[in-house]
Amino acid sequence: MNRRNHSITLLQATQESPTLAHLTNLATESSARLKSIEAFIPTALRSAVKAGPIEGSVWCLILDNNAVAAKIRQLLPSMQAHLRSKGWDVNSIRLKVQMSRNAH
């Protein structure tokens, strides 16, 4: 078998692989959801909130610390209602605090 090794772009790889295409779509949708609810997040906290994975009707937000999680938890009902009004199937938003790599 004579195969030529050639480079392909990430976009080409994504388009040729159903699994990669699906993951790319989920990542894009997660980012779009975060952008949609950005106005609900206090300006000082926006950099501490990252878009996380989508698993069916559950979406995850990744947060920098527990204080951010406490504030975001208060905003969840309005965020979920807003996302549903925009056509996304979001029954719940899960919060995950990202542990610092420097913590022991």
PDB file of N, CA and C in Angstrom:
ATOM      1  N   MET A   1       0.852  -1.176   0.000  1.00  0.00           N
ATOM      2  CA  MET A   1       0.000   0.000   0.000  1.00  0.00           C
ATOM      3  C   MET A   1       0.890   1.228   0.000  1.00  0.00           C
ATOM      4  N   ASN A   2       0.653   2.095  -0.917  1.00  0.00           N
ATOM      5  CA  ASN A   2       1.447   3.304  -1.050  1.00  0.00           C
ATOM      6  C   ASN A   2       0.599   4.495  -0.624  1.00  0.00           C
ATOM      7  N   ARG A   3       0.846   5.021   0.591  1.00  0.00           N
ATOM      8  CA  ARG A   3       0.078   6.154   1.105  1.00  0.00           C
ATOM      9  C   ARG A   3       0.975   7.378   1.181  1.00  0.00           C
ATOM     10  N   ARG A   4       0.404   8.478   0.844  1.00  0.00           N
ATOM     11  CA  ARG A   4       1.129   9.741   0.972  1.00  0.00           C
ATOM     12  C   ARG A   4       0.706  10.400   2.267  1.00  0.00           C
ATOM     13  N   ASN A   5       1.684  10.826   3.011  1.00  0.00           N
ATOM     14  CA  ASN A   5       1.390  11.586   4.226  1.00  0.00           C
ATOM     15  C   ASN A   5       1.270  13.052   3.851  1.00  0.00           C
ATOM     16  N   HIS A   6       0.130  13.621   4.162  1.00  0.00           N
ATOM     17  CA  HIS A   6      -0.064  15.028   3.887  1.00  0.00           C
ATOM     18  C   HIS A   6      -0.828  15.662   5.042  1.00  0.00           C
ATOM     19  N   SER A   7      -0.563  16.908   5.249  1.00  0.00           N
ATOM     20  CA  SER A   7      -1.214  17.641   6.328  1.00  0.00           C
ATOM     21  C   SER A   7      -2.587  18.107   5.875  1.00  0.00           C
ATOM     22  N   ILE A   8      -3.500  18.137   6.841  1.00  0.00           N
ATOM     23  CA  ILE A   8      -4.813  18.708   6.578  1.00  0.00           C
ATOM     24  C   ILE A   8      -5.092  19.728   7.679  1.00  0.00           C
ATOM     25  N   THR A   9      -5.945  20.652   7.382  1.00  0.00           N
ATOM     26  CA  THR A   9      -6.282  21.665   8.381  1.00  0.00           C
ATOM     27  C   THR A   9      -7.235  21.072   9.404  1.00  0.00           C
ATOM     28  N   LEU A  10      -7.345  21.763  10.529  1.00  0.00           N
ATOM     29  CA  LEU A  10      -8.293  21.337  11.552  1.00  0.00           C
ATOM     30  C   LEU A  10      -9.713  21.346  11.004  1.00  0.00           C
ATOM     31  N   LEU A  11     -10.035  22.338  10.203  1.00  0.00           N
ATOM     32  CA  LEU A  11     -11.365  22.416   9.603  1.00  0.00           C
ATOM     33  C   LEU A  11     -11.631  21.200   8.726  1.00  0.00           C
ATOM     34  N   GLN A  12     -10.651  20.800   7.918  1.00  0.00           N
ATOM     35  CA  GLN A  12     -10.822  19.614   7.068  1.00  0.00           C
ATOM     36  C   GLN A  12     -11.017  18.363   7.916  1.00  0.00           C
ATOM     37  N   ALA A  13     -10.221  18.223   8.966  1.00  0.00           N
ATOM     38  CA  ALA A  13     -10.338  17.053   9.838  1.00  0.00           C
ATOM     39  C   ALA A  13     -11.717  17.007  10.485  1.00  0.00           C
ATOM     40  N   THR A  14     -12.193  18.160  10.906  1.00  0.00           N
ATOM     41  CA  THR A  14     -13.510  18.242  11.531  1.00  0.00           C
ATOM     42  C   THR A  14     -14.600  17.843  10.548  1.00  0.00           C
ATOM     43  N   GLN A  15     -14.505  18.326   9.331  1.00  0.00           N
ATOM     44  CA  GLN A  15     -15.526  18.030   8.328  1.00  0.00           C
ATOM     45  C   GLN A  15     -15.514  16.562   7.920  1.00  0.00           C
ATOM     46  N   GLU A  16     -14.370  15.914   7.990  1.00  0.00           N
ATOM     47  CA  GLU A  16     -14.256  14.522   7.568  1.00  0.00           C
ATOM     48  C   GLU A  16     -14.574  13.528   8.678  1.00  0.00           C
ATOM     49  N   SER A  17     -14.706  13.993   9.903  1.00  0.00           N
ATOM     50  CA  SER A  17     -14.985  13.109  11.029  1.00  0.00           C
ATOM     51  C   SER A  17     -16.301  13.506  11.690  1.00  0.00           C
ATOM     52  N   PRO A  18     -17.295  12.631  11.653  1.00  0.00           N
ATOM     53  CA  PRO A  18     -18.577  12.951  12.292  1.00  0.00           C
ATOM     54  C   PRO A  18     -18.428  13.254  13.785  1.00  0.00           C
ATOM     55  N   THR A  19     -17.544  12.545  14.459  1.00  0.00           N
ATOM     56  CA  THR A  19     -17.353  12.775  15.894  1.00  0.00           C
ATOM     57  C   THR A  19     -16.766  14.148  16.150  1.00  0.00           C
ATOM     58  N   LEU A  20     -15.729  14.507  15.406  1.00  0.00           N
ATOM     59  CA  LEU A  20     -15.133  15.836  15.568  1.00  0.00           C
ATOM     60  C   LEU A  20     -16.120  16.932  15.178  1.00  0.00           C
ATOM     61  N   ALA A  21     -16.893  16.700  14.136  1.00  0.00           N
ATOM     62  CA  ALA A  21     -17.889  17.693  13.711  1.00  0.00           C
ATOM     63  C   ALA A  21     -18.915  17.911  14.825  1.00  0.00           C
ATOM     64  N   HIS A  22     -19.356  16.830  15.454  1.00  0.00           N
ATOM     65  CA  HIS A  22     -20.331  16.922  16.546  1.00  0.00           C
ATOM     66  C   HIS A  22     -19.747  17.701  17.730  1.00  0.00           C
ATOM     67  N   LEU A  23     -18.502  17.378  18.104  1.00  0.00           N
ATOM     68  CA  LEU A  23     -17.860  18.075  19.216  1.00  0.00           C
ATOM     69  C   LEU A  23     -17.651  19.556  18.914  1.00  0.00           C
ATOM     70  N   THR A  24     -17.294  19.851  17.679  1.00  0.00           N
ATOM     71  CA  THR A  24     -17.118  21.246  17.271  1.00  0.00           C
ATOM     72  C   THR A  24     -18.442  22.000  17.364  1.00  0.00           C
ATOM     73  N   ASN A  25     -19.516  21.373  16.916  1.00  0.00           N
ATOM     74  CA  ASN A  25     -20.843  22.001  16.997  1.00  0.00           C
ATOM     75  C   ASN A  25     -21.250  22.258  18.437  1.00  0.00           C
ATOM     76  N   LEU A  26     -20.977  21.291  19.333  1.00  0.00           N
ATOM     77  CA  LEU A  26     -21.322  21.469  20.746  1.00  0.00           C
ATOM     78  C   LEU A  26     -20.511  22.603  21.365  1.00  0.00           C
ATOM     79  N   ALA A  27     -19.231  22.680  21.040  1.00  0.00           N
ATOM     80  CA  ALA A  27     -18.386  23.755  21.578  1.00  0.00           C
ATOM     81  C   ALA A  27     -18.866  25.120  21.078  1.00  0.00           C
ATOM     82  N   THR A  28     -19.223  25.185  19.816  1.00  0.00           N
ATOM     83  CA  THR A  28     -19.725  26.436  19.244  1.00  0.00           C
ATOM     84  C   THR A  28     -21.040  26.839  19.900  1.00  0.00           C
ATOM     85  N   GLU A  29     -21.932  25.870  20.098  1.00  0.00           N
ATOM     86  CA  GLU A  29     -23.217  26.157  20.735  1.00  0.00           C
ATOM     87  C   GLU A  29     -23.032  26.592  22.182  1.00  0.00           C
ATOM     88  N   SER A  30     -22.125  25.942  22.900  1.00  0.00           N
ATOM     89  CA  SER A  30     -21.876  26.300  24.292  1.00  0.00           C
ATOM     90  C   SER A  30     -21.379  27.739  24.393  1.00  0.00           C
ATOM     91  N   SER A  31     -20.486  28.125  23.499  1.00  0.00           N
ATOM     92  CA  SER A  31     -19.985  29.505  23.481  1.00  0.00           C
ATOM     93  C   SER A  31     -21.099  30.489  23.154  1.00  0.00           C
ATOM     94  N   ALA A  32     -21.977  30.114  22.244  1.00  0.00           N
ATOM     95  CA  ALA A  32     -23.101  30.977  21.877  1.00  0.00           C
ATOM     96  C   ALA A  32     -24.062  31.147  23.056  1.00  0.00           C
ATOM     97  N   ARG A  33     -24.272  30.077  23.805  1.00  0.00           N
ATOM     98  CA  ARG A  33     -25.132  30.171  24.987  1.00  0.00           C
ATOM     99  C   ARG A  33     -24.544  31.141  26.008  1.00  0.00           C
ATOM    100  N   LEU A  34     -23.235  31.017  26.247  1.00  0.00           N
ATOM    101  CA  LEU A  34     -22.594  31.910  27.210  1.00  0.00           C
ATOM    102  C   LEU A  34     -22.719  33.362  26.764  1.00  0.00           C
ATOM    103  N   LYS A  35     -22.508  33.601  25.492  1.00  0.00           N
ATOM    104  CA  LYS A  35     -22.626  34.966  24.967  1.00  0.00           C
ATOM    105  C   LYS A  35     -24.057  35.480  25.160  1.00  0.00           C
ATOM    106  N   SER A  36     -25.032  34.597  25.006  1.00  0.00           N
ATOM    107  CA  SER A  36     -26.437  34.975  25.137  1.00  0.00           C
ATOM    108  C   SER A  36     -26.793  35.396  26.566  1.00  0.00           C
ATOM    109  N   ILE A  37     -26.165  34.760  27.560  1.00  0.00           N
ATOM    110  CA  ILE A  37     -26.499  35.084  28.962  1.00  0.00           C
ATOM    111  C   ILE A  37     -25.513  36.065  29.595  1.00  0.00           C
ATOM    112  N   GLU A  38     -24.560  36.531  28.827  1.00  0.00           N
ATOM    113  CA  GLU A  38     -23.523  37.417  29.363  1.00  0.00           C
ATOM    114  C   GLU A  38     -24.095  38.626  30.107  1.00  0.00           C
ATOM    115  N   ALA A  39     -25.192  39.168  29.618  1.00  0.00           N
ATOM    116  CA  ALA A  39     -25.790  40.351  30.246  1.00  0.00           C
ATOM    117  C   ALA A  39     -26.300  40.058  31.666  1.00  0.00           C
ATOM    118  N   PHE A  40     -26.581  38.802  31.974  1.00  0.00           N
ATOM    119  CA  PHE A  40     -27.056  38.431  33.308  1.00  0.00           C
ATOM    120  C   PHE A  40     -25.912  38.364  34.317  1.00  0.00           C
ATOM    121  N   ILE A  41     -24.693  38.182  33.828  1.00  0.00           N
ATOM    122  CA  ILE A  41     -23.528  38.012  34.694  1.00  0.00           C
ATOM    123  C   ILE A  41     -22.942  39.385  35.017  1.00  0.00           C
ATOM    124  N   PRO A  42     -22.764  39.679  36.301  1.00  0.00           N
ATOM    125  CA  PRO A  42     -22.152  40.967  36.657  1.00  0.00           C
ATOM    126  C   PRO A  42     -20.808  41.133  35.939  1.00  0.00           C
ATOM    127  N   THR A  43     -20.552  42.328  35.465  1.00  0.00           N
ATOM    128  CA  THR A  43     -19.355  42.612  34.672  1.00  0.00           C
ATOM    129  C   THR A  43     -18.075  42.116  35.353  1.00  0.00           C
ATOM    130  N   ALA A  44     -17.971  42.321  36.639  1.00  0.00           N
ATOM    131  CA  ALA A  44     -16.757  41.930  37.368  1.00  0.00           C
ATOM    132  C   ALA A  44     -16.546  40.418  37.395  1.00  0.00           C
ATOM    133  N   LEU A  45     -17.605  39.643  37.158  1.00  0.00           N
ATOM    134  CA  LEU A  45     -17.504  38.184  37.231  1.00  0.00           C
ATOM    135  C   LEU A  45     -17.386  37.513  35.858  1.00  0.00           C
ATOM    136  N   ARG A  46     -17.588  38.237  34.793  1.00  0.00           N
ATOM    137  CA  ARG A  46     -17.643  37.625  33.463  1.00  0.00           C
ATOM    138  C   ARG A  46     -16.397  36.838  33.102  1.00  0.00           C
ATOM    139  N   SER A  47     -15.236  37.335  33.488  1.00  0.00           N
ATOM    140  CA  SER A  47     -14.006  36.623  33.134  1.00  0.00           C
ATOM    141  C   SER A  47     -13.831  35.344  33.955  1.00  0.00           C
ATOM    142  N   ALA A  48     -14.621  35.168  35.007  1.00  0.00           N
ATOM    143  CA  ALA A  48     -14.528  33.986  35.870  1.00  0.00           C
ATOM    144  C   ALA A  48     -15.513  32.899  35.460  1.00  0.00           C
ATOM    145  N   VAL A  49     -16.261  33.125  34.382  1.00  0.00           N
ATOM    146  CA  VAL A  49     -17.272  32.168  33.910  1.00  0.00           C
ATOM    147  C   VAL A  49     -16.900  31.702  32.507  1.00  0.00           C
ATOM    148  N   LYS A  50     -16.805  30.390  32.326  1.00  0.00           N
ATOM    149  CA  LYS A  50     -16.455  29.810  31.022  1.00  0.00           C
ATOM    150  C   LYS A  50     -17.566  28.859  30.578  1.00  0.00           C
ATOM    151  N   ALA A  51     -17.733  28.745  29.283  1.00  0.00           N
ATOM    152  CA  ALA A  51     -18.708  27.808  28.725  1.00  0.00           C
ATOM    153  C   ALA A  51     -18.179  26.393  28.906  1.00  0.00           C
ATOM    154  N   GLY A  52     -19.046  25.517  29.344  1.00  0.00           N
ATOM    155  CA  GLY A  52     -18.677  24.118  29.559  1.00  0.00           C
ATOM    156  C   GLY A  52     -19.426  23.198  28.611  1.00  0.00           C
ATOM    157  N   PRO A  53     -19.366  21.901  28.888  1.00  0.00           N
ATOM    158  CA  PRO A  53     -19.984  20.926  27.997  1.00  0.00           C
ATOM    159  C   PRO A  53     -21.513  20.959  28.024  1.00  0.00           C
ATOM    160  N   ILE A  54     -22.085  20.491  26.930  1.00  0.00           N
ATOM    161  CA  ILE A  54     -23.531  20.307  26.811  1.00  0.00           C
ATOM    162  C   ILE A  54     -23.787  18.814  26.787  1.00  0.00           C
ATOM    163  N   GLU A  55     -24.649  18.360  27.680  1.00  0.00           N
ATOM    164  CA  GLU A  55     -25.020  16.942  27.727  1.00  0.00           C
ATOM    165  C   GLU A  55     -26.544  16.854  27.697  1.00  0.00           C
ATOM    166  N   GLY A  56     -27.088  16.714  26.511  1.00  0.00           N
ATOM    167  CA  GLY A  56     -28.538  16.694  26.358  1.00  0.00           C
ATOM    168  C   GLY A  56     -29.118  18.046  26.716  1.00  0.00           C
ATOM    169  N   SER A  57     -30.024  18.058  27.696  1.00  0.00           N
ATOM    170  CA  SER A  57     -30.653  19.323  28.091  1.00  0.00           C
ATOM    171  C   SER A  57     -29.958  19.957  29.294  1.00  0.00           C
ATOM    172  N   VAL A  58     -28.781  19.433  29.655  1.00  0.00           N
ATOM    173  CA  VAL A  58     -28.005  19.979  30.765  1.00  0.00           C
ATOM    174  C   VAL A  58     -26.773  20.675  30.197  1.00  0.00           C
ATOM    175  N   TRP A  59     -26.591  21.916  30.596  1.00  0.00           N
ATOM    176  CA  TRP A  59     -25.429  22.693  30.164  1.00  0.00           C
ATOM    177  C   TRP A  59     -24.592  23.000  31.391  1.00  0.00           C
ATOM    178  N   CYS A  60     -23.299  23.010  31.250  1.00  0.00           N
ATOM    179  CA  CYS A  60     -22.393  23.248  32.363  1.00  0.00           C
ATOM    180  C   CYS A  60     -21.658  24.571  32.188  1.00  0.00           C
ATOM    181  N   LEU A  61     -21.556  25.310  33.275  1.00  0.00           N
ATOM    182  CA  LEU A  61     -20.716  26.499  33.320  1.00  0.00           C
ATOM    183  C   LEU A  61     -19.529  26.192  34.221  1.00  0.00           C
ATOM    184  N   ILE A  62     -18.352  26.567  33.792  1.00  0.00           N
ATOM    185  CA  ILE A  62     -17.140  26.341  34.565  1.00  0.00           C
ATOM    186  C   ILE A  62     -16.750  27.670  35.204  1.00  0.00           C
ATOM    187  N   LEU A  63     -16.605  27.642  36.514  1.00  0.00           N
ATOM    188  CA  LEU A  63     -16.399  28.862  37.291  1.00  0.00           C
ATOM    189  C   LEU A  63     -15.049  28.833  37.995  1.00  0.00           C
ATOM    190  N   ASP A  64     -14.490  30.019  38.229  1.00  0.00           N
ATOM    191  CA  ASP A  64     -13.168  30.124  38.842  1.00  0.00           C
ATOM    192  C   ASP A  64     -13.136  29.791  40.325  1.00  0.00           C
ATOM    193  N   ASN A  65     -14.228  30.079  41.052  1.00  0.00           N
ATOM    194  CA  ASN A  65     -14.194  29.831  42.494  1.00  0.00           C
ATOM    195  C   ASN A  65     -15.608  29.728  43.065  1.00  0.00           C
ATOM    196  N   ASN A  66     -15.686  29.380  44.348  1.00  0.00           N
ATOM    197  CA  ASN A  66     -16.977  29.183  45.000  1.00  0.00           C
ATOM    198  C   ASN A  66     -17.777  30.470  45.160  1.00  0.00           C
ATOM    199  N   ALA A  67     -17.107  31.599  45.308  1.00  0.00           N
ATOM    200  CA  ALA A  67     -17.824  32.870  45.437  1.00  0.00           C
ATOM    201  C   ALA A  67     -18.576  33.193  44.147  1.00  0.00           C
ATOM    202  N   VAL A  68     -17.940  32.949  43.016  1.00  0.00           N
ATOM    203  CA  VAL A  68     -18.599  33.148  41.724  1.00  0.00           C
ATOM    204  C   VAL A  68     -19.774  32.188  41.601  1.00  0.00           C
ATOM    205  N   ALA A  69     -19.562  30.939  42.013  1.00  0.00           N
ATOM    206  CA  ALA A  69     -20.631  29.933  41.943  1.00  0.00           C
ATOM    207  C   ALA A  69     -21.843  30.360  42.765  1.00  0.00           C
ATOM    208  N   ALA A  70     -21.608  30.925  43.944  1.00  0.00           N
ATOM    209  CA  ALA A  70     -22.711  31.359  44.806  1.00  0.00           C
ATOM    210  C   ALA A  70     -23.544  32.445  44.124  1.00  0.00           C
ATOM    211  N   LYS A  71     -22.886  33.387  43.485  1.00  0.00           N
ATOM    212  CA  LYS A  71     -23.609  34.470  42.799  1.00  0.00           C
ATOM    213  C   LYS A  71     -24.337  33.942  41.565  1.00  0.00           C
ATOM    214  N   ILE A  72     -23.663  33.124  40.768  1.00  0.00           N
ATOM    215  CA  ILE A  72     -24.280  32.587  39.547  1.00  0.00           C
ATOM    216  C   ILE A  72     -25.481  31.707  39.898  1.00  0.00           C
ATOM    217  N   ARG A  73     -25.380  30.963  40.986  1.00  0.00           N
ATOM    218  CA  ARG A  73     -26.490  30.087  41.411  1.00  0.00           C
ATOM    219  C   ARG A  73     -27.773  30.903  41.590  1.00  0.00           C
ATOM    220  N   GLN A  74     -27.650  32.139  42.088  1.00  0.00           N
ATOM    221  CA  GLN A  74     -28.821  33.006  42.276  1.00  0.00           C
ATOM    222  C   GLN A  74     -29.440  33.424  40.936  1.00  0.00           C
ATOM    223  N   LEU A  75     -28.627  33.433  39.889  1.00  0.00           N
ATOM    224  CA  LEU A  75     -29.072  33.911  38.577  1.00  0.00           C
ATOM    225  C   LEU A  75     -29.578  32.803  37.662  1.00  0.00           C
ATOM    226  N   LEU A  76     -29.425  31.552  38.083  1.00  0.00           N
ATOM    227  CA  LEU A  76     -29.755  30.427  37.208  1.00  0.00           C
ATOM    228  C   LEU A  76     -31.185  30.428  36.668  1.00  0.00           C
ATOM    229  N   PRO A  77     -32.211  30.672  37.489  1.00  0.00           N
ATOM    230  CA  PRO A  77     -33.577  30.630  36.934  1.00  0.00           C
ATOM    231  C   PRO A  77     -33.778  31.599  35.762  1.00  0.00           C
ATOM    232  N   SER A  78     -33.276  32.819  35.896  1.00  0.00           N
ATOM    233  CA  SER A  78     -33.463  33.786  34.807  1.00  0.00           C
ATOM    234  C   SER A  78     -32.604  33.419  33.598  1.00  0.00           C
ATOM    235  N   MET A  79     -31.423  32.871  33.829  1.00  0.00           N
ATOM    236  CA  MET A  79     -30.570  32.438  32.712  1.00  0.00           C
ATOM    237  C   MET A  79     -31.234  31.311  31.930  1.00  0.00           C
ATOM    238  N   GLN A  80     -31.762  30.320  32.656  1.00  0.00           N
ATOM    239  CA  GLN A  80     -32.423  29.186  31.995  1.00  0.00           C
ATOM    240  C   GLN A  80     -33.636  29.661  31.198  1.00  0.00           C
ATOM    241  N   ALA A  81     -34.435  30.528  31.775  1.00  0.00           N
ATOM    242  CA  ALA A  81     -35.620  31.034  31.072  1.00  0.00           C
ATOM    243  C   ALA A  81     -35.206  31.788  29.810  1.00  0.00           C
ATOM    244  N   HIS A  82     -34.151  32.579  29.908  1.00  0.00           N
ATOM    245  CA  HIS A  82     -33.670  33.327  28.744  1.00  0.00           C
ATOM    246  C   HIS A  82     -33.206  32.369  27.640  1.00  0.00           C
ATOM    247  N   LEU A  83     -32.429  31.357  28.008  1.00  0.00           N
ATOM    248  CA  LEU A  83     -31.936  30.401  27.007  1.00  0.00           C
ATOM    249  C   LEU A  83     -33.089  29.664  26.326  1.00  0.00           C
ATOM    250  N   ARG A  84     -34.085  29.266  27.111  1.00  0.00           N
ATOM    251  CA  ARG A  84     -35.254  28.587  26.523  1.00  0.00           C
ATOM    252  C   ARG A  84     -36.008  29.520  25.592  1.00  0.00           C
ATOM    253  N   SER A  85     -36.099  30.810  25.955  1.00  0.00           N
ATOM    254  CA  SER A  85     -36.799  31.773  25.096  1.00  0.00           C
ATOM    255  C   SER A  85     -36.071  31.971  23.775  1.00  0.00           C
ATOM    256  N   LYS A  86     -34.768  31.674  23.748  1.00  0.00           N
ATOM    257  CA  LYS A  86     -33.976  31.776  22.522  1.00  0.00           C
ATOM    258  C   LYS A  86     -33.963  30.467  21.736  1.00  0.00           C
ATOM    259  N   GLY A  87     -34.685  29.456  22.224  1.00  0.00           N
ATOM    260  CA  GLY A  87     -34.826  28.202  21.482  1.00  0.00           C
ATOM    261  C   GLY A  87     -33.901  27.070  21.896  1.00  0.00           C
ATOM    262  N   TRP A  88     -33.088  27.285  22.930  1.00  0.00           N
ATOM    263  CA  TRP A  88     -32.204  26.209  23.378  1.00  0.00           C
ATOM    264  C   TRP A  88     -32.921  25.327  24.388  1.00  0.00           C
ATOM    265  N   ASP A  89     -32.700  24.027  24.281  1.00  0.00           N
ATOM    266  CA  ASP A  89     -33.283  23.046  25.193  1.00  0.00           C
ATOM    267  C   ASP A  89     -32.390  22.945  26.426  1.00  0.00           C
ATOM    268  N   VAL A  90     -32.658  23.800  27.422  1.00  0.00           N
ATOM    269  CA  VAL A  90     -31.860  23.819  28.643  1.00  0.00           C
ATOM    270  C   VAL A  90     -32.793  23.608  29.829  1.00  0.00           C
ATOM    271  N   ASN A  91     -32.795  22.383  30.368  1.00  0.00           N
ATOM    272  CA  ASN A  91     -33.605  22.114  31.547  1.00  0.00           C
ATOM    273  C   ASN A  91     -32.872  22.466  32.827  1.00  0.00           C
ATOM    274  N   SER A  92     -31.540  22.415  32.778  1.00  0.00           N
ATOM    275  CA  SER A  92     -30.767  22.815  33.951  1.00  0.00           C
ATOM    276  C   SER A  92     -29.363  23.251  33.532  1.00  0.00           C
ATOM    277  N   ILE A  93     -28.795  24.089  34.378  1.00  0.00           N
ATOM    278  CA  ILE A  93     -27.421  24.542  34.194  1.00  0.00           C
ATOM    279  C   ILE A  93     -26.637  24.037  35.402  1.00  0.00           C
ATOM    280  N   ARG A  94     -25.640  23.232  35.129  1.00  0.00           N
ATOM    281  CA  ARG A  94     -24.787  22.680  36.182  1.00  0.00           C
ATOM    282  C   ARG A  94     -23.594  23.611  36.354  1.00  0.00           C
ATOM    283  N   LEU A  95     -23.196  23.828  37.603  1.00  0.00           N
ATOM    284  CA  LEU A  95     -22.048  24.681  37.885  1.00  0.00           C
ATOM    285  C   LEU A  95     -20.887  23.819  38.352  1.00  0.00           C
ATOM    286  N   LYS A  96     -19.733  24.061  37.782  1.00  0.00           N
ATOM    287  CA  LYS A  96     -18.537  23.320  38.178  1.00  0.00           C
ATOM    288  C   LYS A  96     -17.440  24.321  38.485  1.00  0.00           C
ATOM    289  N   VAL A  97     -16.899  24.243  39.704  1.00  0.00           N
ATOM    290  CA  VAL A  97     -15.807  25.116  40.087  1.00  0.00           C
ATOM    291  C   VAL A  97     -14.505  24.463  39.636  1.00  0.00           C
ATOM    292  N   GLN A  98     -13.750  25.194  38.849  1.00  0.00           N
ATOM    293  CA  GLN A  98     -12.465  24.708  38.333  1.00  0.00           C
ATOM    294  C   GLN A  98     -11.437  24.849  39.441  1.00  0.00           C
ATOM    295  N   MET A  99     -10.888  23.745  39.864  1.00  0.00           N
ATOM    296  CA  MET A  99      -9.889  23.780  40.927  1.00  0.00           C
ATOM    297  C   MET A  99      -8.571  24.321  40.380  1.00  0.00           C
ATOM    298  N   SER A 100      -7.963  25.199  41.122  1.00  0.00           N
ATOM    299  CA  SER A 100      -6.680  25.765  40.728  1.00  0.00           C
ATOM    300  C   SER A 100      -5.603  24.697  40.738  1.00  0.00           C
ATOM    301  N   ARG A 101      -4.731  24.735  39.774  1.00  0.00           N
ATOM    302  CA  ARG A 101      -3.624  23.767  39.711  1.00  0.00           C
ATOM    303  C   ARG A 101      -2.610  24.008  40.823  1.00  0.00           C
ATOM    304  N   ASN A 102      -2.608  25.222  41.383  1.00  0.00           N
ATOM    305  CA  ASN A 102      -1.662  25.553  42.437  1.00  0.00           C
ATOM    306  C   ASN A 102      -2.155  25.152  43.822  1.00  0.00           C
ATOM    307  N   ALA A 103      -3.430  24.790  43.926  1.00  0.00           N
ATOM    308  CA  ALA A 103      -3.983  24.398  45.231  1.00  0.00           C
ATOM    309  C   ALA A 103      -3.440  23.031  45.621  1.00  0.00           C
ATOM    310  N   HIS A 104      -3.234  22.846  46.905  1.00  0.00           N
ATOM    311  CA  HIS A 104      -2.704  21.560  47.389  1.00  0.00           C
ATOM    312  C   HIS A 104      -3.759  20.801  48.110  1.00  0.00           C
TER     313      HIS A 104
END
